[in-house]
Amino acid sequence: MEFIRFIAAPFTVLYGLLALLAGPQQWRLGKVATAAANSLMLVGGILVVAGYLVWVQSLWALWVLGIGLLSMHVLAAINRAKASEGGAAKGGTALDWSGQGGRLLISVTLFALAYLSLQ
């Protein structure tokens, strides 16, 4: 499954780079706090590292990728809950998992491709 590595690694790096660029952009527009923007950039960096690890076929690639993707989901849910009017401060739920379907599809696809490329 060598050719899958040429798909999984670049798309993982691209997803991480998008997160790296989204952090400062969201902060500049006032959509997220500084800590949230920094966290998003950190997760983007983790995903870039995971893409590199998939490329070199490291044994740690799936662990790092899983941590990065899970962190991305949690950060997105927290940021969405804080941005919504019914967030935790006003008696709503602490996390807002709605709207995570597309991100979940991307995460499952990237993880499956990475898994297949390491077989």
PDB file of N, CA and C in Angstrom:
ATOM      1  N   MET A   1       0.814  -1.197   0.000  1.00  0.00           N
ATOM      2  CA  MET A   1       0.000   0.000   0.000  1.00  0.00           C
ATOM      3  C   MET A   1       0.860   1.264   0.000  1.00  0.00           C
ATOM      4  N   GLU A   2       1.918   1.199  -0.711  1.00  0.00           N
ATOM      5  CA  GLU A   2       2.860   2.317  -0.762  1.00  0.00           C
ATOM      6  C   GLU A   2       2.245   3.576  -1.358  1.00  0.00           C
ATOM      7  N   PHE A   3       1.388   3.426  -2.371  1.00  0.00           N
ATOM      8  CA  PHE A   3       0.826   4.603  -3.036  1.00  0.00           C
ATOM      9  C   PHE A   3      -0.147   5.367  -2.140  1.00  0.00           C
ATOM     10  N   ILE A   4      -0.744   4.692  -1.159  1.00  0.00           N
ATOM     11  CA  ILE A   4      -1.668   5.379  -0.244  1.00  0.00           C
ATOM     12  C   ILE A   4      -0.907   6.375   0.622  1.00  0.00           C
ATOM     13  N   ARG A   5       0.355   6.079   0.892  1.00  0.00           N
ATOM     14  CA  ARG A   5       1.189   7.008   1.664  1.00  0.00           C
ATOM     15  C   ARG A   5       1.307   8.346   0.952  1.00  0.00           C
ATOM     16  N   PHE A   6       1.325   8.329  -0.385  1.00  0.00           N
ATOM     17  CA  PHE A   6       1.431   9.558  -1.165  1.00  0.00           C
ATOM     18  C   PHE A   6       0.135  10.367  -1.158  1.00  0.00           C
ATOM     19  N   ILE A   7      -0.925   9.771  -0.659  1.00  0.00           N
ATOM     20  CA  ILE A   7      -2.189  10.484  -0.498  1.00  0.00           C
ATOM     21  C   ILE A   7      -2.364  10.920   0.951  1.00  0.00           C
ATOM     22  N   ALA A   8      -2.143   9.996   1.880  1.00  0.00           N
ATOM     23  CA  ALA A   8      -2.412  10.253   3.295  1.00  0.00           C
ATOM     24  C   ALA A   8      -1.510  11.331   3.881  1.00  0.00           C
ATOM     25  N   ALA A   9      -0.220  11.238   3.642  1.00  0.00           N
ATOM     26  CA  ALA A   9       0.722  12.183   4.245  1.00  0.00           C
ATOM     27  C   ALA A   9       0.505  13.619   3.764  1.00  0.00           C
ATOM     28  N   PRO A  10       0.426  13.878   2.461  1.00  0.00           N
ATOM     29  CA  PRO A  10       0.218  15.274   2.041  1.00  0.00           C
ATOM     30  C   PRO A  10      -1.113  15.867   2.500  1.00  0.00           C
ATOM     31  N   PHE A  11      -2.177  15.065   2.496  1.00  0.00           N
ATOM     32  CA  PHE A  11      -3.458  15.602   2.940  1.00  0.00           C
ATOM     33  C   PHE A  11      -3.480  15.853   4.443  1.00  0.00           C
ATOM     34  N   THR A  12      -2.767  15.036   5.210  1.00  0.00           N
ATOM     35  CA  THR A  12      -2.659  15.276   6.649  1.00  0.00           C
ATOM     36  C   THR A  12      -1.878  16.565   6.908  1.00  0.00           C
ATOM     37  N   VAL A  13      -0.790  16.750   6.186  1.00  0.00           N
ATOM     38  CA  VAL A  13      -0.005  17.983   6.327  1.00  0.00           C
ATOM     39  C   VAL A  13      -0.838  19.188   5.901  1.00  0.00           C
ATOM     40  N   LEU A  14      -1.585  19.059   4.827  1.00  0.00           N
ATOM     41  CA  LEU A  14      -2.437  20.155   4.360  1.00  0.00           C
ATOM     42  C   LEU A  14      -3.499  20.508   5.399  1.00  0.00           C
ATOM     43  N   TYR A  15      -4.110  19.509   6.001  1.00  0.00           N
ATOM     44  CA  TYR A  15      -5.113  19.740   7.046  1.00  0.00           C
ATOM     45  C   TYR A  15      -4.474  20.456   8.242  1.00  0.00           C
ATOM     46  N   GLY A  16      -3.269  20.042   8.601  1.00  0.00           N
ATOM     47  CA  GLY A  16      -2.554  20.709   9.688  1.00  0.00           C
ATOM     48  C   GLY A  16      -2.185  22.143   9.345  1.00  0.00           C
ATOM     49  N   LEU A  17      -1.750  22.379   8.110  1.00  0.00           N
ATOM     50  CA  LEU A  17      -1.408  23.742   7.692  1.00  0.00           C
ATOM     51  C   LEU A  17      -2.635  24.649   7.681  1.00  0.00           C
ATOM     52  N   LEU A  18      -3.775  24.095   7.295  1.00  0.00           N
ATOM     53  CA  LEU A  18      -5.007  24.888   7.339  1.00  0.00           C
ATOM     54  C   LEU A  18      -5.345  25.299   8.766  1.00  0.00           C
ATOM     55  N   ALA A  19      -5.138  24.391   9.713  1.00  0.00           N
ATOM     56  CA  ALA A  19      -5.373  24.730  11.118  1.00  0.00           C
ATOM     57  C   ALA A  19      -4.352  25.757  11.607  1.00  0.00           C
ATOM     58  N   LEU A  20      -3.099  25.594  11.186  1.00  0.00           N
ATOM     59  CA  LEU A  20      -2.067  26.569  11.560  1.00  0.00           C
ATOM     60  C   LEU A  20      -2.407  27.970  11.063  1.00  0.00           C
ATOM     61  N   LEU A  21      -2.940  28.063   9.867  1.00  0.00           N
ATOM     62  CA  LEU A  21      -3.292  29.363   9.304  1.00  0.00           C
ATOM     63  C   LEU A  21      -4.620  29.892   9.840  1.00  0.00           C
ATOM     64  N   ALA A  22      -5.521  28.987  10.204  1.00  0.00           N
ATOM     65  CA  ALA A  22      -6.838  29.410  10.691  1.00  0.00           C
ATOM     66  C   ALA A  22      -6.751  30.051  12.073  1.00  0.00           C
ATOM     67  N   GLY A  23      -5.822  29.601  12.903  1.00  0.00           N
ATOM     68  CA  GLY A  23      -5.703  30.152  14.255  1.00  0.00           C
ATOM     69  C   GLY A  23      -5.511  31.663  14.265  1.00  0.00           C
ATOM     70  N   PRO A  24      -4.453  32.175  13.635  1.00  0.00           N
ATOM     71  CA  PRO A  24      -4.258  33.633  13.634  1.00  0.00           C
ATOM     72  C   PRO A  24      -5.369  34.383  12.890  1.00  0.00           C
ATOM     73  N   GLN A  25      -5.883  33.777  11.827  1.00  0.00           N
ATOM     74  CA  GLN A  25      -6.945  34.437  11.065  1.00  0.00           C
ATOM     75  C   GLN A  25      -8.210  34.582  11.906  1.00  0.00           C
ATOM     76  N   GLN A  26      -8.607  33.533  12.610  1.00  0.00           N
ATOM     77  CA  GLN A  26      -9.790  33.593  13.469  1.00  0.00           C
ATOM     78  C   GLN A  26      -9.583  34.587  14.611  1.00  0.00           C
ATOM     79  N   TRP A  27      -8.374  34.630  15.163  1.00  0.00           N
ATOM     80  CA  TRP A  27      -8.075  35.555  16.245  1.00  0.00           C
ATOM     81  C   TRP A  27      -8.139  37.001  15.747  1.00  0.00           C
ATOM     82  N   ARG A  28      -7.574  37.249  14.571  1.00  0.00           N
ATOM     83  CA  ARG A  28      -7.562  38.596  14.000  1.00  0.00           C
ATOM     84  C   ARG A  28      -8.979  39.102  13.736  1.00  0.00           C
ATOM     85  N   LEU A  29      -9.871  38.204  13.339  1.00  0.00           N
ATOM     86  CA  LEU A  29     -11.262  38.574  13.081  1.00  0.00           C
ATOM     87  C   LEU A  29     -12.089  38.665  14.364  1.00  0.00           C
ATOM     88  N   GLY A  30     -11.483  38.295  15.488  1.00  0.00           N
ATOM     89  CA  GLY A  30     -12.175  38.372  16.772  1.00  0.00           C
ATOM     90  C   GLY A  30     -13.134  37.225  17.024  1.00  0.00           C
ATOM     91  N   LYS A  31     -13.010  36.137  16.293  1.00  0.00           N
ATOM     92  CA  LYS A  31     -13.919  35.005  16.457  1.00  0.00           C
ATOM     93  C   LYS A  31     -13.516  34.089  17.606  1.00  0.00           C
ATOM     94  N   VAL A  32     -12.239  34.062  17.940  1.00  0.00           N
ATOM     95  CA  VAL A  32     -11.760  33.208  19.029  1.00  0.00           C
ATOM     96  C   VAL A  32     -10.799  34.010  19.906  1.00  0.00           C
ATOM     97  N   ALA A  33     -10.632  33.527  21.128  1.00  0.00           N
ATOM     98  CA  ALA A  33      -9.693  34.150  22.049  1.00  0.00           C
ATOM     99  C   ALA A  33      -8.262  33.759  21.677  1.00  0.00           C
ATOM    100  N   THR A  34      -7.319  34.433  22.286  1.00  0.00           N
ATOM    101  CA  THR A  34      -5.910  34.165  22.000  1.00  0.00           C
ATOM    102  C   THR A  34      -5.536  32.726  22.346  1.00  0.00           C
ATOM    103  N   ALA A  35      -6.008  32.235  23.485  1.00  0.00           N
ATOM    104  CA  ALA A  35      -5.696  30.858  23.887  1.00  0.00           C
ATOM    105  C   ALA A  35      -6.262  29.855  22.889  1.00  0.00           C
ATOM    106  N   ALA A  36      -7.458  30.112  22.386  1.00  0.00           N
ATOM    107  CA  ALA A  36      -8.065  29.207  21.413  1.00  0.00           C
ATOM    108  C   ALA A  36      -7.287  29.230  20.100  1.00  0.00           C
ATOM    109  N   ALA A  37      -6.850  30.408  19.680  1.00  0.00           N
ATOM    110  CA  ALA A  37      -6.064  30.506  18.445  1.00  0.00           C
ATOM    111  C   ALA A  37      -4.728  29.784  18.606  1.00  0.00           C
ATOM    112  N   ASN A  38      -4.089  29.953  19.745  1.00  0.00           N
ATOM    113  CA  ASN A  38      -2.822  29.264  19.997  1.00  0.00           C
ATOM    114  C   ASN A  38      -3.019  27.752  20.049  1.00  0.00           C
ATOM    115  N   SER A  39      -4.117  27.312  20.654  1.00  0.00           N
ATOM    116  CA  SER A  39      -4.409  25.878  20.713  1.00  0.00           C
ATOM    117  C   SER A  39      -4.643  25.312  19.321  1.00  0.00           C
ATOM    118  N   LEU A  40      -5.342  26.063  18.486  1.00  0.00           N
ATOM    119  CA  LEU A  40      -5.588  25.622  17.121  1.00  0.00           C
ATOM    120  C   LEU A  40      -4.281  25.512  16.341  1.00  0.00           C
ATOM    121  N   MET A  41      -3.384  26.450  16.556  1.00  0.00           N
ATOM    122  CA  MET A  41      -2.082  26.375  15.885  1.00  0.00           C
ATOM    123  C   MET A  41      -1.267  25.198  16.409  1.00  0.00           C
ATOM    124  N   LEU A  42      -1.357  24.904  17.699  1.00  0.00           N
ATOM    125  CA  LEU A  42      -0.653  23.756  18.269  1.00  0.00           C
ATOM    126  C   LEU A  42      -1.169  22.451  17.666  1.00  0.00           C
ATOM    127  N   VAL A  43      -2.480  22.329  17.556  1.00  0.00           N
ATOM    128  CA  VAL A  43      -3.065  21.132  16.955  1.00  0.00           C
ATOM    129  C   VAL A  43      -2.665  21.035  15.482  1.00  0.00           C
ATOM    130  N   GLY A  44      -2.622  22.162  14.788  1.00  0.00           N
ATOM    131  CA  GLY A  44      -2.160  22.161  13.402  1.00  0.00           C
ATOM    132  C   GLY A  44      -0.730  21.666  13.294  1.00  0.00           C
ATOM    133  N   GLY A  45       0.114  22.091  14.231  1.00  0.00           N
ATOM    134  CA  GLY A  45       1.497  21.610  14.255  1.00  0.00           C
ATOM    135  C   GLY A  45       1.578  20.114  14.512  1.00  0.00           C
ATOM    136  N   ILE A  46       0.726  19.615  15.397  1.00  0.00           N
ATOM    137  CA  ILE A  46       0.696  18.179  15.668  1.00  0.00           C
ATOM    138  C   ILE A  46       0.304  17.411  14.406  1.00  0.00           C
ATOM    139  N   LEU A  47      -0.662  17.947  13.667  1.00  0.00           N
ATOM    140  CA  LEU A  47      -1.090  17.267  12.439  1.00  0.00           C
ATOM    141  C   LEU A  47      -0.012  17.307  11.358  1.00  0.00           C
ATOM    142  N   VAL A  48       0.745  18.396  11.294  1.00  0.00           N
ATOM    143  CA  VAL A  48       1.859  18.459  10.339  1.00  0.00           C
ATOM    144  C   VAL A  48       2.904  17.405  10.695  1.00  0.00           C
ATOM    145  N   VAL A  49       3.211  17.283  11.976  1.00  0.00           N
ATOM    146  CA  VAL A  49       4.159  16.258  12.427  1.00  0.00           C
ATOM    147  C   VAL A  49       3.611  14.865  12.122  1.00  0.00           C
ATOM    148  N   ALA A  50       2.314  14.666  12.336  1.00  0.00           N
ATOM    149  CA  ALA A  50       1.708  13.367  12.044  1.00  0.00           C
ATOM    150  C   ALA A  50       1.817  13.040  10.555  1.00  0.00           C
ATOM    151  N   GLY A  51       1.626  14.037   9.697  1.00  0.00           N
ATOM    152  CA  GLY A  51       1.775  13.813   8.263  1.00  0.00           C
ATOM    153  C   GLY A  51       3.188  13.397   7.908  1.00  0.00           C
ATOM    154  N   TYR A  52       4.165  14.031   8.535  1.00  0.00           N
ATOM    155  CA  TYR A  52       5.554  13.640   8.304  1.00  0.00           C
ATOM    156  C   TYR A  52       5.807  12.211   8.793  1.00  0.00           C
ATOM    157  N   LEU A  53       5.255  11.873   9.960  1.00  0.00           N
ATOM    158  CA  LEU A  53       5.452  10.532  10.493  1.00  0.00           C
ATOM    159  C   LEU A  53       4.797   9.470   9.608  1.00  0.00           C
ATOM    160  N   VAL A  54       3.662   9.805   9.014  1.00  0.00           N
ATOM    161  CA  VAL A  54       3.043   8.882   8.057  1.00  0.00           C
ATOM    162  C   VAL A  54       3.953   8.730   6.848  1.00  0.00           C
ATOM    163  N   TRP A  55       4.530   9.827   6.394  1.00  0.00           N
ATOM    164  CA  TRP A  55       5.401   9.793   5.222  1.00  0.00           C
ATOM    165  C   TRP A  55       6.610   8.880   5.436  1.00  0.00           C
ATOM    166  N   VAL A  56       7.223   8.979   6.631  1.00  0.00           N
ATOM    167  CA  VAL A  56       8.403   8.156   6.906  1.00  0.00           C
ATOM    168  C   VAL A  56       8.031   6.802   7.496  1.00  0.00           C
ATOM    169  N   GLN A  57       6.754   6.525   7.602  1.00  0.00           N
ATOM    170  CA  GLN A  57       6.214   5.262   8.098  1.00  0.00           C
ATOM    171  C   GLN A  57       6.692   4.929   9.506  1.00  0.00           C
ATOM    172  N   SER A  58       6.560   5.899  10.388  1.00  0.00           N
ATOM    173  CA  SER A  58       6.935   5.713  11.782  1.00  0.00           C
ATOM    174  C   SER A  58       5.858   4.927  12.523  1.00  0.00           C
ATOM    175  N   LEU A  59       6.274   4.210  13.544  1.00  0.00           N
ATOM    176  CA  LEU A  59       5.329   3.478  14.369  1.00  0.00           C
ATOM    177  C   LEU A  59       4.460   4.425  15.204  1.00  0.00           C
ATOM    178  N   TRP A  60       4.910   5.645  15.410  1.00  0.00           N
ATOM    179  CA  TRP A  60       4.185   6.628  16.205  1.00  0.00           C
ATOM    180  C   TRP A  60       3.154   7.413  15.394  1.00  0.00           C
ATOM    181  N   ALA A  61       3.111   7.209  14.107  1.00  0.00           N
ATOM    182  CA  ALA A  61       2.272   8.031  13.234  1.00  0.00           C
ATOM    183  C   ALA A  61       0.797   7.977  13.616  1.00  0.00           C
ATOM    184  N   LEU A  62       0.265   6.785  13.847  1.00  0.00           N
ATOM    185  CA  LEU A  62      -1.155   6.677  14.166  1.00  0.00           C
ATOM    186  C   LEU A  62      -1.490   7.288  15.516  1.00  0.00           C
ATOM    187  N   TRP A  63      -0.587   7.163  16.480  1.00  0.00           N
ATOM    188  CA  TRP A  63      -0.825   7.768  17.793  1.00  0.00           C
ATOM    189  C   TRP A  63      -0.855   9.291  17.695  1.00  0.00           C
ATOM    190  N   VAL A  64       0.117   9.846  17.027  1.00  0.00           N
ATOM    191  CA  VAL A  64       0.187  11.301  16.901  1.00  0.00           C
ATOM    192  C   VAL A  64      -0.998  11.821  16.079  1.00  0.00           C
ATOM    193  N   LEU A  65      -1.338  11.127  15.016  1.00  0.00           N
ATOM    194  CA  LEU A  65      -2.472  11.522  14.190  1.00  0.00           C
ATOM    195  C   LEU A  65      -3.776  11.441  14.981  1.00  0.00           C
ATOM    196  N   GLY A  66      -3.964  10.382  15.740  1.00  0.00           N
ATOM    197  CA  GLY A  66      -5.167  10.240  16.557  1.00  0.00           C
ATOM    198  C   GLY A  66      -5.292  11.334  17.595  1.00  0.00           C
ATOM    199  N   ILE A  67      -4.186  11.660  18.250  1.00  0.00           N
ATOM    200  CA  ILE A  67      -4.193  12.740  19.251  1.00  0.00           C
ATOM    201  C   ILE A  67      -4.516  14.073  18.588  1.00  0.00           C
ATOM    202  N   GLY A  68      -3.914  14.334  17.434  1.00  0.00           N
ATOM    203  CA  GLY A  68      -4.163  15.586  16.728  1.00  0.00           C
ATOM    204  C   GLY A  68      -5.601  15.721  16.266  1.00  0.00           C
ATOM    205  N   LEU A  69      -6.151  14.655  15.692  1.00  0.00           N
ATOM    206  CA  LEU A  69      -7.523  14.715  15.194  1.00  0.00           C
ATOM    207  C   LEU A  69      -8.531  14.820  16.339  1.00  0.00           C
ATOM    208  N   LEU A  70      -8.305  14.067  17.414  1.00  0.00           N
ATOM    209  CA  LEU A  70      -9.197  14.154  18.566  1.00  0.00           C
ATOM    210  C   LEU A  70      -9.142  15.542  19.192  1.00  0.00           C
ATOM    211  N   SER A  71      -7.945  16.106  19.291  1.00  0.00           N
ATOM    212  CA  SER A  71      -7.797  17.460  19.831  1.00  0.00           C
ATOM    213  C   SER A  71      -8.507  18.485  18.955  1.00  0.00           C
ATOM    214  N   MET A  72      -8.446  18.283  17.641  1.00  0.00           N
ATOM    215  CA  MET A  72      -9.128  19.187  16.723  1.00  0.00           C
ATOM    216  C   MET A  72     -10.632  19.187  16.973  1.00  0.00           C
ATOM    217  N   HIS A  73     -11.205  18.002  17.190  1.00  0.00           N
ATOM    218  CA  HIS A  73     -12.637  17.905  17.439  1.00  0.00           C
ATOM    219  C   HIS A  73     -13.026  18.567  18.761  1.00  0.00           C
ATOM    220  N   VAL A  74     -12.254  18.310  19.793  1.00  0.00           N
ATOM    221  CA  VAL A  74     -12.564  18.889  21.096  1.00  0.00           C
ATOM    222  C   VAL A  74     -12.453  20.408  21.045  1.00  0.00           C
ATOM    223  N   LEU A  75     -11.399  20.929  20.434  1.00  0.00           N
ATOM    224  CA  LEU A  75     -11.245  22.385  20.316  1.00  0.00           C
ATOM    225  C   LEU A  75     -12.381  23.016  19.519  1.00  0.00           C
ATOM    226  N   ALA A  76     -12.776  22.377  18.452  1.00  0.00           N
ATOM    227  CA  ALA A  76     -13.873  22.913  17.642  1.00  0.00           C
ATOM    228  C   ALA A  76     -15.175  22.935  18.433  1.00  0.00           C
ATOM    229  N   ALA A  77     -15.428  21.883  19.201  1.00  0.00           N
ATOM    230  CA  ALA A  77     -16.653  21.827  19.999  1.00  0.00           C
ATOM    231  C   ALA A  77     -16.637  22.885  21.102  1.00  0.00           C
ATOM    232  N   ILE A  78     -15.488  23.065  21.747  1.00  0.00           N
ATOM    233  CA  ILE A  78     -15.381  24.080  22.800  1.00  0.00           C
ATOM    234  C   ILE A  78     -15.549  25.473  22.215  1.00  0.00           C
ATOM    235  N   ASN A  79     -14.880  25.756  21.113  1.00  0.00           N
ATOM    236  CA  ASN A  79     -14.991  27.082  20.490  1.00  0.00           C
ATOM    237  C   ASN A  79     -16.404  27.361  20.018  1.00  0.00           C
ATOM    238  N   ARG A  80     -17.075  26.346  19.502  1.00  0.00           N
ATOM    239  CA  ARG A  80     -18.452  26.535  19.051  1.00  0.00           C
ATOM    240  C   ARG A  80     -19.375  26.804  20.230  1.00  0.00           C
ATOM    241  N   ALA A  81     -19.148  26.103  21.344  1.00  0.00           N
ATOM    242  CA  ALA A  81     -19.979  26.317  22.530  1.00  0.00           C
ATOM    243  C   ALA A  81     -19.778  27.713  23.100  1.00  0.00           C
ATOM    244  N   LYS A  82     -18.542  28.190  23.100  1.00  0.00           N
ATOM    245  CA  LYS A  82     -18.272  29.535  23.619  1.00  0.00           C
ATOM    246  C   LYS A  82     -18.810  30.613  22.703  1.00  0.00           C
ATOM    247  N   ALA A  83     -18.840  30.340  21.400  1.00  0.00           N
ATOM    248  CA  ALA A  83     -19.324  31.331  20.453  1.00  0.00           C
ATOM    249  C   ALA A  83     -20.846  31.401  20.408  1.00  0.00           C
ATOM    250  N   SER A  84     -21.495  30.287  20.750  1.00  0.00           N
ATOM    251  CA  SER A  84     -22.958  30.280  20.687  1.00  0.00           C
ATOM    252  C   SER A  84     -23.540  31.012  21.884  1.00  0.00           C
ATOM    253  N   GLU A  85     -24.735  31.486  21.732  1.00  0.00           N
ATOM    254  CA  GLU A  85     -25.383  32.238  22.807  1.00  0.00           C
ATOM    255  C   GLU A  85     -25.801  31.343  23.958  1.00  0.00           C
ATOM    256  N   GLY A  86     -26.033  30.086  23.703  1.00  0.00           N
ATOM    257  CA  GLY A  86     -26.459  29.163  24.755  1.00  0.00           C
ATOM    258  C   GLY A  86     -25.309  28.354  25.299  1.00  0.00           C
ATOM    259  N   GLY A  87     -24.150  28.954  25.433  1.00  0.00           N
ATOM    260  CA  GLY A  87     -22.967  28.241  25.908  1.00  0.00           C
ATOM    261  C   GLY A  87     -23.051  27.881  27.374  1.00  0.00           C
ATOM    262  N   ALA A  88     -21.974  27.359  27.910  1.00  0.00           N
ATOM    263  CA  ALA A  88     -21.948  26.878  29.286  1.00  0.00           C
ATOM    264  C   ALA A  88     -22.191  27.999  30.288  1.00  0.00           C
ATOM    265  N   ALA A  89     -21.794  29.222  29.972  1.00  0.00           N
ATOM    266  CA  ALA A  89     -21.966  30.333  30.904  1.00  0.00           C
ATOM    267  C   ALA A  89     -23.442  30.678  31.101  1.00  0.00           C
ATOM    268  N   LYS A  90     -24.289  30.338  30.146  1.00  0.00           N
ATOM    269  CA  LYS A  90     -25.705  30.679  30.241  1.00  0.00           C
ATOM    270  C   LYS A  90     -26.573  29.449  30.503  1.00  0.00           C
ATOM    271  N   GLY A  91     -25.976  28.412  31.029  1.00  0.00           N
ATOM    272  CA  GLY A  91     -26.748  27.239  31.396  1.00  0.00           C
ATOM    273  C   GLY A  91     -26.864  26.185  30.309  1.00  0.00           C
ATOM    274  N   GLY A  92     -26.192  26.358  29.198  1.00  0.00           N
ATOM    275  CA  GLY A  92     -26.234  25.367  28.117  1.00  0.00           C
ATOM    276  C   GLY A  92     -25.242  24.254  28.373  1.00  0.00           C
ATOM    277  N   THR A  93     -25.040  23.440  27.378  1.00  0.00           N
ATOM    278  CA  THR A  93     -24.084  22.349  27.518  1.00  0.00           C
ATOM    279  C   THR A  93     -22.661  22.884  27.413  1.00  0.00           C
ATOM    280  N   ALA A  94     -21.739  22.158  28.012  1.00  0.00           N
ATOM    281  CA  ALA A  94     -20.351  22.602  28.005  1.00  0.00           C
ATOM    282  C   ALA A  94     -19.734  22.457  26.615  1.00  0.00           C
ATOM    283  N   LEU A  95     -20.083  21.410  25.914  1.00  0.00           N
ATOM    284  CA  LEU A  95     -19.543  21.186  24.573  1.00  0.00           C
ATOM    285  C   LEU A  95     -20.690  21.143  23.573  1.00  0.00           C
ATOM    286  N   ASP A  96     -20.442  21.677  22.397  1.00  0.00           N
ATOM    287  CA  ASP A  96     -21.441  21.674  21.341  1.00  0.00           C
ATOM    288  C   ASP A  96     -20.928  20.804  20.204  1.00  0.00           C
ATOM    289  N   TRP A  97     -21.445  19.577  20.112  1.00  0.00           N
ATOM    290  CA  TRP A  97     -20.948  18.627  19.136  1.00  0.00           C
ATOM    291  C   TRP A  97     -21.665  18.732  17.798  1.00  0.00           C
ATOM    292  N   SER A  98     -22.634  19.636  17.688  1.00  0.00           N
ATOM    293  CA  SER A  98     -23.328  19.771  16.413  1.00  0.00           C
ATOM    294  C   SER A  98     -22.387  20.383  15.380  1.00  0.00           C
ATOM    295  N   GLY A  99     -22.572  20.034  14.154  1.00  0.00           N
ATOM    296  CA  GLY A  99     -21.726  20.557  13.091  1.00  0.00           C
ATOM    297  C   GLY A  99     -20.378  19.883  12.975  1.00  0.00           C
ATOM    298  N   GLN A 100     -20.215  18.754  13.623  1.00  0.00           N
ATOM    299  CA  GLN A 100     -18.929  18.052  13.585  1.00  0.00           C
ATOM    300  C   GLN A 100     -18.905  16.948  12.529  1.00  0.00           C
ATOM    301  N   GLY A 101     -19.976  16.775  11.781  1.00  0.00           N
ATOM    302  CA  GLY A 101     -20.076  15.679  10.822  1.00  0.00           C
ATOM    303  C   GLY A 101     -19.018  15.727   9.732  1.00  0.00           C
ATOM    304  N   GLY A 102     -18.832  16.884   9.115  1.00  0.00           N
ATOM    305  CA  GLY A 102     -17.830  17.010   8.059  1.00  0.00           C
ATOM    306  C   GLY A 102     -16.422  16.806   8.576  1.00  0.00           C
ATOM    307  N   ARG A 103     -16.151  17.369   9.738  1.00  0.00           N
ATOM    308  CA  ARG A 103     -14.823  17.211  10.351  1.00  0.00           C
ATOM    309  C   ARG A 103     -14.580  15.745  10.721  1.00  0.00           C
ATOM    310  N   LEU A 104     -15.637  15.064  11.205  1.00  0.00           N
ATOM    311  CA  LEU A 104     -15.514  13.651  11.550  1.00  0.00           C
ATOM    312  C   LEU A 104     -15.238  12.814  10.307  1.00  0.00           C
ATOM    313  N   LEU A 105     -15.888  13.127   9.216  1.00  0.00           N
ATOM    314  CA  LEU A 105     -15.651  12.404   7.966  1.00  0.00           C
ATOM    315  C   LEU A 105     -14.203  12.581   7.493  1.00  0.00           C
ATOM    316  N   ILE A 106     -13.690  13.801   7.565  1.00  0.00           N
ATOM    317  CA  ILE A 106     -12.292  14.060   7.198  1.00  0.00           C
ATOM    318  C   ILE A 106     -11.348  13.294   8.124  1.00  0.00           C
ATOM    319  N   SER A 107     -11.641  13.316   9.417  1.00  0.00           N
ATOM    320  CA  SER A 107     -10.774  12.641  10.384  1.00  0.00           C
ATOM    321  C   SER A 107     -10.743  11.139  10.167  1.00  0.00           C
ATOM    322  N   VAL A 108     -11.906  10.551   9.973  1.00  0.00           N
ATOM    323  CA  VAL A 108     -11.964   9.096   9.761  1.00  0.00           C
ATOM    324  C   VAL A 108     -11.247   8.730   8.462  1.00  0.00           C
ATOM    325  N   THR A 109     -11.430   9.528   7.426  1.00  0.00           N
ATOM    326  CA  THR A 109     -10.767   9.258   6.155  1.00  0.00           C
ATOM    327  C   THR A 109      -9.251   9.356   6.289  1.00  0.00           C
ATOM    328  N   LEU A 110      -8.768  10.425   6.913  1.00  0.00           N
ATOM    329  CA  LEU A 110      -7.316  10.578   7.093  1.00  0.00           C
ATOM    330  C   LEU A 110      -6.733   9.448   7.936  1.00  0.00           C
ATOM    331  N   PHE A 111      -7.431   9.087   9.008  1.00  0.00           N
ATOM    332  CA  PHE A 111      -6.922   8.029   9.872  1.00  0.00           C
ATOM    333  C   PHE A 111      -6.913   6.693   9.140  1.00  0.00           C
ATOM    334  N   ALA A 112      -7.966   6.411   8.385  1.00  0.00           N
ATOM    335  CA  ALA A 112      -8.027   5.148   7.636  1.00  0.00           C
ATOM    336  C   ALA A 112      -6.935   5.083   6.574  1.00  0.00           C
ATOM    337  N   LEU A 113      -6.722   6.189   5.867  1.00  0.00           N
ATOM    338  CA  LEU A 113      -5.659   6.209   4.856  1.00  0.00           C
ATOM    339  C   LEU A 113      -4.284   6.033   5.497  1.00  0.00           C
ATOM    340  N   ALA A 114      -4.075   6.685   6.632  1.00  0.00           N
ATOM    341  CA  ALA A 114      -2.794   6.542   7.334  1.00  0.00           C
ATOM    342  C   ALA A 114      -2.607   5.093   7.799  1.00  0.00           C
ATOM    343  N   TYR A 115      -3.668   4.514   8.325  1.00  0.00           N
ATOM    344  CA  TYR A 115      -3.586   3.124   8.771  1.00  0.00           C
ATOM    345  C   TYR A 115      -3.237   2.192   7.608  1.00  0.00           C
ATOM    346  N   LEU A 116      -3.931   2.380   6.498  1.00  0.00           N
ATOM    347  CA  LEU A 116      -3.663   1.533   5.329  1.00  0.00           C
ATOM    348  C   LEU A 116      -2.251   1.744   4.785  1.00  0.00           C
ATOM    349  N   SER A 117      -1.756   2.968   4.839  1.00  0.00           N
ATOM    350  CA  SER A 117      -0.417   3.227   4.310  1.00  0.00           C
ATOM    351  C   SER A 117       0.684   2.616   5.178  1.00  0.00           C
ATOM    352  N   LEU A 118       0.374   2.370   6.434  1.00  0.00           N
ATOM    353  CA  LEU A 118       1.370   1.794   7.355  1.00  0.00           C
ATOM    354  C   LEU A 118       1.319   0.270   7.385  1.00  0.00           C
ATOM    355  N   GLN A 119       0.412  -0.315   6.645  1.00  0.00           N
ATOM    356  CA  GLN A 119       0.301  -1.798   6.625  1.00  0.00           C
ATOM    357  C   GLN A 119       1.297  -2.396   5.656  1.00  0.00           C
TER     358      GLN A 119
END
